[in-house]
Amino acid sequence: MIFPSERGAGPVLGQTNRALARPWAARLVPLCLAAGSLEWVRAGFGLVQQRIAQGEPWARLAVILGAVALVTAASAWLLRSPRLRAHFARGTAPFHAV
């Protein structure tokens, strides 16, 4: 038996795949990820400053948010690879909804 939530997920996921496999997405998604990475750095800096001002430990916070910013930036960089750029230029979805 198919549950109601599963029945509605197929068309939604299919539409998402079609929307993301477009040439504009190959430019927009890495830009959004790069902006997100900068936002993590900005937020982390502010939070570390608050912790320092309150006399609380801040090193673990800085390491965790720094790692999050690095992973986000690496994701943006990986999406600029020639293979993915060629994939998005064709406009084909990476997965097909079943």
C-alpha atoms as a PDB file:
ATOM      1  CA  MET A   1       0.000   0.000   0.000  1.00  0.00           C
ATOM      2  CA  ILE A   2       1.231   3.486  -0.789  1.00  0.00           C
ATOM      3  CA  PHE A   3       0.940   5.955   2.045  1.00  0.00           C
ATOM      4  CA  PRO A   4      -0.627   9.339   1.226  1.00  0.00           C
ATOM      5  CA  SER A   5       2.619  11.180   1.989  1.00  0.00           C
ATOM      6  CA  GLU A   6       4.513   8.928  -0.447  1.00  0.00           C
ATOM      7  CA  ARG A   7       1.910   9.376  -3.173  1.00  0.00           C
ATOM      8  CA  GLY A   8       2.394  13.148  -3.140  1.00  0.00           C
ATOM      9  CA  ALA A   9       6.197  13.077  -2.927  1.00  0.00           C
ATOM     10  CA  GLY A  10       6.824  11.639  -6.408  1.00  0.00           C
ATOM     11  CA  PRO A  11       5.479  14.566  -8.441  1.00  0.00           C
ATOM     12  CA  VAL A  12       7.074  17.097  -6.117  1.00  0.00           C
ATOM     13  CA  LEU A  13      10.504  15.488  -6.346  1.00  0.00           C
ATOM     14  CA  GLY A  14      10.166  15.140 -10.095  1.00  0.00           C
ATOM     15  CA  GLN A  15       9.419  18.842 -10.443  1.00  0.00           C
ATOM     16  CA  THR A  16      12.364  19.699  -8.214  1.00  0.00           C
ATOM     17  CA  ASN A  17      14.730  17.628 -10.346  1.00  0.00           C
ATOM     18  CA  ARG A  18      13.499  19.289 -13.518  1.00  0.00           C
ATOM     19  CA  ALA A  19      13.841  22.748 -11.988  1.00  0.00           C
ATOM     20  CA  LEU A  20      17.372  22.159 -10.731  1.00  0.00           C
ATOM     21  CA  ALA A  21      18.744  20.650 -13.944  1.00  0.00           C
ATOM     22  CA  ARG A  22      18.766  23.955 -15.791  1.00  0.00           C
ATOM     23  CA  PRO A  23      21.668  26.104 -16.989  1.00  0.00           C
ATOM     24  CA  TRP A  24      20.682  28.929 -14.626  1.00  0.00           C
ATOM     25  CA  ALA A  25      20.883  26.533 -11.666  1.00  0.00           C
ATOM     26  CA  ALA A  26      24.518  25.787 -12.496  1.00  0.00           C
ATOM     27  CA  ARG A  27      25.239  29.462 -11.839  1.00  0.00           C
ATOM     28  CA  LEU A  28      22.759  30.228  -9.069  1.00  0.00           C
ATOM     29  CA  VAL A  29      23.369  27.324  -6.683  1.00  0.00           C
ATOM     30  CA  PRO A  30      27.156  27.856  -6.324  1.00  0.00           C
ATOM     31  CA  LEU A  31      26.576  31.582  -5.808  1.00  0.00           C
ATOM     32  CA  CYS A  32      24.040  30.870  -3.075  1.00  0.00           C
ATOM     33  CA  LEU A  33      26.400  28.397  -1.430  1.00  0.00           C
ATOM     34  CA  ALA A  34      29.266  30.922  -1.550  1.00  0.00           C
ATOM     35  CA  ALA A  35      27.015  33.571  -0.007  1.00  0.00           C
ATOM     36  CA  GLY A  36      25.960  31.050   2.623  1.00  0.00           C
ATOM     37  CA  SER A  37      29.575  30.318   3.428  1.00  0.00           C
ATOM     38  CA  LEU A  38      30.279  34.009   3.945  1.00  0.00           C
ATOM     39  CA  GLU A  39      27.212  34.239   6.170  1.00  0.00           C
ATOM     40  CA  TRP A  40      28.482  31.358   8.310  1.00  0.00           C
ATOM     41  CA  VAL A  41      31.788  33.199   8.744  1.00  0.00           C
ATOM     42  CA  ARG A  42      30.002  36.443   9.641  1.00  0.00           C
ATOM     43  CA  ALA A  43      27.654  34.724  12.101  1.00  0.00           C
ATOM     44  CA  GLY A  44      30.505  32.737  13.614  1.00  0.00           C
ATOM     45  CA  PHE A  45      32.586  35.841  14.133  1.00  0.00           C
ATOM     46  CA  GLY A  46      29.682  37.569  15.886  1.00  0.00           C
ATOM     47  CA  LEU A  47      28.961  34.573  18.098  1.00  0.00           C
ATOM     48  CA  VAL A  48      32.628  34.181  19.046  1.00  0.00           C
ATOM     49  CA  GLN A  49      32.771  37.871  19.975  1.00  0.00           C
ATOM     50  CA  GLN A  50      29.701  37.412  22.193  1.00  0.00           C
ATOM     51  CA  ARG A  51      31.241  34.388  23.903  1.00  0.00           C
ATOM     52  CA  ILE A  52      34.505  36.239  24.506  1.00  0.00           C
ATOM     53  CA  ALA A  53      32.636  39.248  25.943  1.00  0.00           C
ATOM     54  CA  GLN A  54      30.699  36.983  28.313  1.00  0.00           C
ATOM     55  CA  GLY A  55      33.827  35.128  29.393  1.00  0.00           C
ATOM     56  CA  GLU A  56      32.526  31.814  28.061  1.00  0.00           C
ATOM     57  CA  PRO A  57      34.517  29.211  26.106  1.00  0.00           C
ATOM     58  CA  TRP A  58      34.550  30.010  22.392  1.00  0.00           C
ATOM     59  CA  ALA A  59      37.126  27.786  20.675  1.00  0.00           C
ATOM     60  CA  ARG A  60      34.799  24.837  20.013  1.00  0.00           C
ATOM     61  CA  LEU A  61      32.185  27.202  18.565  1.00  0.00           C
ATOM     62  CA  ALA A  62      34.787  28.730  16.258  1.00  0.00           C
ATOM     63  CA  VAL A  63      36.012  25.319  15.069  1.00  0.00           C
ATOM     64  CA  ILE A  64      32.508  23.989  14.389  1.00  0.00           C
ATOM     65  CA  LEU A  65      31.260  27.060  12.529  1.00  0.00           C
ATOM     66  CA  GLY A  66      34.553  27.304  10.648  1.00  0.00           C
ATOM     67  CA  ALA A  67      34.123  23.701   9.515  1.00  0.00           C
ATOM     68  CA  VAL A  68      30.551  24.421   8.435  1.00  0.00           C
ATOM     69  CA  ALA A  69      31.739  27.424   6.420  1.00  0.00           C
ATOM     70  CA  LEU A  70      34.481  25.313   4.789  1.00  0.00           C
ATOM     71  CA  VAL A  71      32.081  22.517   3.844  1.00  0.00           C
ATOM     72  CA  THR A  72      29.654  25.042   2.376  1.00  0.00           C
ATOM     73  CA  ALA A  73      32.439  26.714   0.380  1.00  0.00           C
ATOM     74  CA  ALA A  74      33.705  23.315  -0.810  1.00  0.00           C
ATOM     75  CA  SER A  75      30.202  22.459  -2.003  1.00  0.00           C
ATOM     76  CA  ALA A  76      30.115  25.650  -4.046  1.00  0.00           C
ATOM     77  CA  TRP A  77      33.527  24.859  -5.508  1.00  0.00           C
ATOM     78  CA  LEU A  78      32.562  21.275  -6.395  1.00  0.00           C
ATOM     79  CA  LEU A  79      29.471  22.464  -8.250  1.00  0.00           C
ATOM     80  CA  ARG A  80      31.766  24.414 -10.580  1.00  0.00           C
ATOM     81  CA  SER A  81      33.374  21.207 -11.917  1.00  0.00           C
ATOM     82  CA  PRO A  82      33.381  20.729 -15.719  1.00  0.00           C
ATOM     83  CA  ARG A  83      31.415  17.489 -15.476  1.00  0.00           C
ATOM     84  CA  LEU A  84      28.549  19.095 -13.557  1.00  0.00           C
ATOM     85  CA  ARG A  85      28.623  22.188 -15.766  1.00  0.00           C
ATOM     86  CA  ALA A  86      28.232  19.938 -18.823  1.00  0.00           C
ATOM     87  CA  HIS A  87      25.396  18.075 -17.122  1.00  0.00           C
ATOM     88  CA  PHE A  88      23.506  21.268 -16.341  1.00  0.00           C
ATOM     89  CA  ALA A  89      24.172  22.671 -19.809  1.00  0.00           C
ATOM     90  CA  ARG A  90      22.320  19.675 -21.292  1.00  0.00           C
ATOM     91  CA  GLY A  91      19.365  20.379 -18.978  1.00  0.00           C
ATOM     92  CA  THR A  92      18.907  16.756 -17.972  1.00  0.00           C
ATOM     93  CA  ALA A  93      17.799  15.782 -14.495  1.00  0.00           C
ATOM     94  CA  PRO A  94      20.303  13.663 -12.526  1.00  0.00           C
ATOM     95  CA  PHE A  95      17.553  11.384 -11.182  1.00  0.00           C
ATOM     96  CA  HIS A  96      14.249  10.379 -12.674  1.00  0.00           C
ATOM     97  CA  ALA A  97      11.176  10.126 -10.479  1.00  0.00           C
ATOM     98  CA  VAL A  98       9.722   6.634 -10.459  1.00  0.00           C
END
